[in-house]
Amino acid sequence: MNEVSTQDPIAAVETLLDQALPEAPLLSEEQILSEHQSLRRAWGSQQIFAGTPAEIKAIILPNLQELAAIPQFEQFVVRVLPNLSCAQVIAVFSTDTFTGVRVWRGAAHVYACGNSAFHG
């Protein structure tokens, strides 16, 4: 999947889950939790969420809507990160900063996490 940019939170989460995530490899829960540990340090991620694609969409969408409402918001960028075995959406801001959400495919669930402000 090529990188996709949009300003629409709904389009961003649908692209993330419907196009990007299927291209990410299937990981064990142990691998996913290990990846999350690195984001706890790098992003201050507090919690990882697991569920069906619909449940994860219901968690991610309000977070993206909140990010889109920030005055400095410019766009969402969705892409597959093959070297990290995940799909990611980032909110890009005019202040040269970003906030990311990552998702992984597990055998029984989809997993998602973000920074310290990401909530379920």
C-alpha atoms as a PDB file:
ATOM      1  CA  MET A   1       0.000   0.000   0.000  1.00  0.00           C
ATOM      2  CA  ASN A   2       1.263   3.453  -0.833  1.00  0.00           C
ATOM      3  CA  GLU A   3       1.211   6.157   1.812  1.00  0.00           C
ATOM      4  CA  VAL A   4      -2.203   7.861   1.971  1.00  0.00           C
ATOM      5  CA  SER A   5      -2.841  11.414   3.225  1.00  0.00           C
ATOM      6  CA  THR A   6      -6.204  12.828   4.255  1.00  0.00           C
ATOM      7  CA  GLN A   7      -7.663  15.450   6.557  1.00  0.00           C
ATOM      8  CA  ASP A   8     -10.721  13.298   7.306  1.00  0.00           C
ATOM      9  CA  PRO A   9     -10.517  11.200  10.511  1.00  0.00           C
ATOM     10  CA  ILE A  10     -13.062   8.679   9.188  1.00  0.00           C
ATOM     11  CA  ALA A  11     -11.121   8.161   5.956  1.00  0.00           C
ATOM     12  CA  ALA A  12      -7.893   7.861   7.962  1.00  0.00           C
ATOM     13  CA  VAL A  13      -9.162   5.128  10.286  1.00  0.00           C
ATOM     14  CA  GLU A  14     -10.851   3.240   7.441  1.00  0.00           C
ATOM     15  CA  THR A  15      -7.668   3.352   5.348  1.00  0.00           C
ATOM     16  CA  LEU A  16      -5.651   2.253   8.374  1.00  0.00           C
ATOM     17  CA  LEU A  17      -7.819  -0.770   9.154  1.00  0.00           C
ATOM     18  CA  ASP A  18      -9.091  -1.739   5.693  1.00  0.00           C
ATOM     19  CA  GLN A  19      -6.005  -1.156   3.531  1.00  0.00           C
ATOM     20  CA  ALA A  20      -2.853  -0.783   5.626  1.00  0.00           C
ATOM     21  CA  LEU A  21      -3.437  -3.342   8.384  1.00  0.00           C
ATOM     22  CA  PRO A  22      -4.058  -6.316   6.055  1.00  0.00           C
ATOM     23  CA  GLU A  23      -0.573  -5.733   4.617  1.00  0.00           C
ATOM     24  CA  ALA A  24       1.063  -5.936   8.055  1.00  0.00           C
ATOM     25  CA  PRO A  25       2.266  -9.396   9.080  1.00  0.00           C
ATOM     26  CA  LEU A  26       0.437 -11.540  11.596  1.00  0.00           C
ATOM     27  CA  LEU A  27       2.256 -11.365  14.945  1.00  0.00           C
ATOM     28  CA  SER A  28       2.036 -13.282  18.190  1.00  0.00           C
ATOM     29  CA  GLU A  29       0.654 -11.499  21.227  1.00  0.00           C
ATOM     30  CA  GLU A  30       4.132 -11.680  22.761  1.00  0.00           C
ATOM     31  CA  GLN A  31       5.634  -9.863  19.747  1.00  0.00           C
ATOM     32  CA  ILE A  32       2.925  -7.192  19.844  1.00  0.00           C
ATOM     33  CA  LEU A  33       3.353  -6.572  23.568  1.00  0.00           C
ATOM     34  CA  SER A  34       7.108  -6.290  23.048  1.00  0.00           C
ATOM     35  CA  GLU A  35       6.536  -3.658  20.336  1.00  0.00           C
ATOM     36  CA  HIS A  36       4.203  -1.811  22.705  1.00  0.00           C
ATOM     37  CA  GLN A  37       6.902  -1.749  25.393  1.00  0.00           C
ATOM     38  CA  SER A  38       9.168   0.204  23.056  1.00  0.00           C
ATOM     39  CA  LEU A  39       6.348   2.721  22.495  1.00  0.00           C
ATOM     40  CA  ARG A  40       5.815   3.081  26.227  1.00  0.00           C
ATOM     41  CA  ARG A  41       9.320   4.506  26.332  1.00  0.00           C
ATOM     42  CA  ALA A  42       9.304   6.441  23.039  1.00  0.00           C
ATOM     43  CA  TRP A  43       5.741   7.837  23.046  1.00  0.00           C
ATOM     44  CA  GLY A  44       4.694   7.530  26.681  1.00  0.00           C
ATOM     45  CA  SER A  45       2.046   5.037  25.569  1.00  0.00           C
ATOM     46  CA  GLN A  46      -0.042   3.990  28.540  1.00  0.00           C
ATOM     47  CA  GLN A  47      -2.293   1.211  27.279  1.00  0.00           C
ATOM     48  CA  ILE A  48      -2.654  -1.186  24.390  1.00  0.00           C
ATOM     49  CA  PHE A  49      -6.157  -2.045  23.267  1.00  0.00           C
ATOM     50  CA  ALA A  50      -7.231  -5.361  21.734  1.00  0.00           C
ATOM     51  CA  GLY A  51     -10.461  -6.180  19.953  1.00  0.00           C
ATOM     52  CA  THR A  52     -12.224  -6.762  16.684  1.00  0.00           C
ATOM     53  CA  PRO A  53     -11.593  -4.336  13.835  1.00  0.00           C
ATOM     54  CA  ALA A  54     -14.934  -2.642  14.623  1.00  0.00           C
ATOM     55  CA  GLU A  55     -14.036  -2.284  18.307  1.00  0.00           C
ATOM     56  CA  ILE A  56     -10.605  -0.871  17.480  1.00  0.00           C
ATOM     57  CA  LYS A  57     -12.154   1.544  14.971  1.00  0.00           C
ATOM     58  CA  ALA A  58     -14.496   2.762  17.737  1.00  0.00           C
ATOM     59  CA  ILE A  59     -11.442   3.455  19.910  1.00  0.00           C
ATOM     60  CA  ILE A  60      -9.229   5.080  17.269  1.00  0.00           C
ATOM     61  CA  LEU A  61     -11.824   7.314  15.589  1.00  0.00           C
ATOM     62  CA  PRO A  62     -12.579   9.620  18.576  1.00  0.00           C
ATOM     63  CA  ASN A  63      -8.835  10.032  19.140  1.00  0.00           C
ATOM     64  CA  LEU A  64      -8.324  11.074  15.506  1.00  0.00           C
ATOM     65  CA  GLN A  65     -11.308  13.422  15.682  1.00  0.00           C
ATOM     66  CA  GLU A  66      -9.750  15.123  18.715  1.00  0.00           C
ATOM     67  CA  LEU A  67      -6.421  15.472  16.910  1.00  0.00           C
ATOM     68  CA  ALA A  68      -8.122  16.933  13.821  1.00  0.00           C
ATOM     69  CA  ALA A  69      -9.751  19.583  16.032  1.00  0.00           C
ATOM     70  CA  ILE A  70      -6.379  20.958  17.185  1.00  0.00           C
ATOM     71  CA  PRO A  71      -5.802  24.305  15.401  1.00  0.00           C
ATOM     72  CA  GLN A  72      -2.315  23.328  14.174  1.00  0.00           C
ATOM     73  CA  PHE A  73      -3.553  20.064  12.604  1.00  0.00           C
ATOM     74  CA  GLU A  74      -2.628  19.649   8.933  1.00  0.00           C
ATOM     75  CA  GLN A  75      -3.292  16.055   7.870  1.00  0.00           C
ATOM     76  CA  PHE A  76      -3.286  12.364   8.664  1.00  0.00           C
ATOM     77  CA  VAL A  77      -0.767  10.101   6.969  1.00  0.00           C
ATOM     78  CA  VAL A  78      -1.479   6.354   6.860  1.00  0.00           C
ATOM     79  CA  ARG A  79       1.178   3.816   5.955  1.00  0.00           C
ATOM     80  CA  VAL A  80       2.454   0.318   6.544  1.00  0.00           C
ATOM     81  CA  LEU A  81       5.722   0.122   8.472  1.00  0.00           C
ATOM     82  CA  PRO A  82       7.116  -3.235   7.309  1.00  0.00           C
ATOM     83  CA  ASN A  83      10.271  -2.989   9.410  1.00  0.00           C
ATOM     84  CA  LEU A  84       8.064  -2.552  12.501  1.00  0.00           C
ATOM     85  CA  SER A  85       5.435  -5.127  11.415  1.00  0.00           C
ATOM     86  CA  CYS A  86       2.540  -2.709  11.854  1.00  0.00           C
ATOM     87  CA  ALA A  87       0.322  -0.114  10.242  1.00  0.00           C
ATOM     88  CA  GLN A  88       0.360   3.476  11.460  1.00  0.00           C
ATOM     89  CA  VAL A  89      -1.603   6.676  11.165  1.00  0.00           C
ATOM     90  CA  ILE A  90       0.048   9.919  12.195  1.00  0.00           C
ATOM     91  CA  ALA A  91      -1.512  13.312  12.703  1.00  0.00           C
ATOM     92  CA  VAL A  92       0.860  15.936  11.317  1.00  0.00           C
ATOM     93  CA  PHE A  93       0.835  19.451  12.755  1.00  0.00           C
ATOM     94  CA  SER A  94       2.130  22.774  11.445  1.00  0.00           C
ATOM     95  CA  THR A  95       4.496  22.881  14.418  1.00  0.00           C
ATOM     96  CA  ASP A  96       6.623  20.118  12.794  1.00  0.00           C
ATOM     97  CA  THR A  97       5.330  17.573  15.294  1.00  0.00           C
ATOM     98  CA  PHE A  98       3.193  14.477  14.936  1.00  0.00           C
ATOM     99  CA  THR A  99       1.103  12.115  17.011  1.00  0.00           C
ATOM    100  CA  GLY A 100       0.932   8.480  15.978  1.00  0.00           C
ATOM    101  CA  VAL A 101      -1.365   5.507  16.408  1.00  0.00           C
ATOM    102  CA  ARG A 102      -0.076   2.032  15.598  1.00  0.00           C
ATOM    103  CA  VAL A 103      -2.048  -1.132  14.941  1.00  0.00           C
ATOM    104  CA  TRP A 104      -0.960  -4.760  14.719  1.00  0.00           C
ATOM    105  CA  ARG A 105      -2.613  -7.965  13.519  1.00  0.00           C
ATOM    106  CA  GLY A 106      -2.740 -10.775  16.027  1.00  0.00           C
ATOM    107  CA  ALA A 107      -4.238 -14.242  15.604  1.00  0.00           C
ATOM    108  CA  ALA A 108      -7.370 -13.413  17.592  1.00  0.00           C
ATOM    109  CA  HIS A 109      -7.419  -9.613  17.810  1.00  0.00           C
ATOM    110  CA  VAL A 110      -6.349  -6.322  16.332  1.00  0.00           C
ATOM    111  CA  TYR A 111      -4.182  -4.298  18.729  1.00  0.00           C
ATOM    112  CA  ALA A 112      -3.811  -0.509  18.884  1.00  0.00           C
ATOM    113  CA  CYS A 113      -1.937   2.054  20.924  1.00  0.00           C
ATOM    114  CA  GLY A 114      -0.936   5.683  20.783  1.00  0.00           C
ATOM    115  CA  ASN A 115       0.801   8.243  22.947  1.00  0.00           C
ATOM    116  CA  SER A 116      -0.022   9.131  26.558  1.00  0.00           C
ATOM    117  CA  ALA A 117      -3.193  10.989  25.504  1.00  0.00           C
ATOM    118  CA  PHE A 118      -4.582   8.028  23.506  1.00  0.00           C
ATOM    119  CA  HIS A 119      -7.689   6.711  25.228  1.00  0.00           C
ATOM    120  CA  GLY A 120     -10.345   4.042  24.843  1.00  0.00           C
END
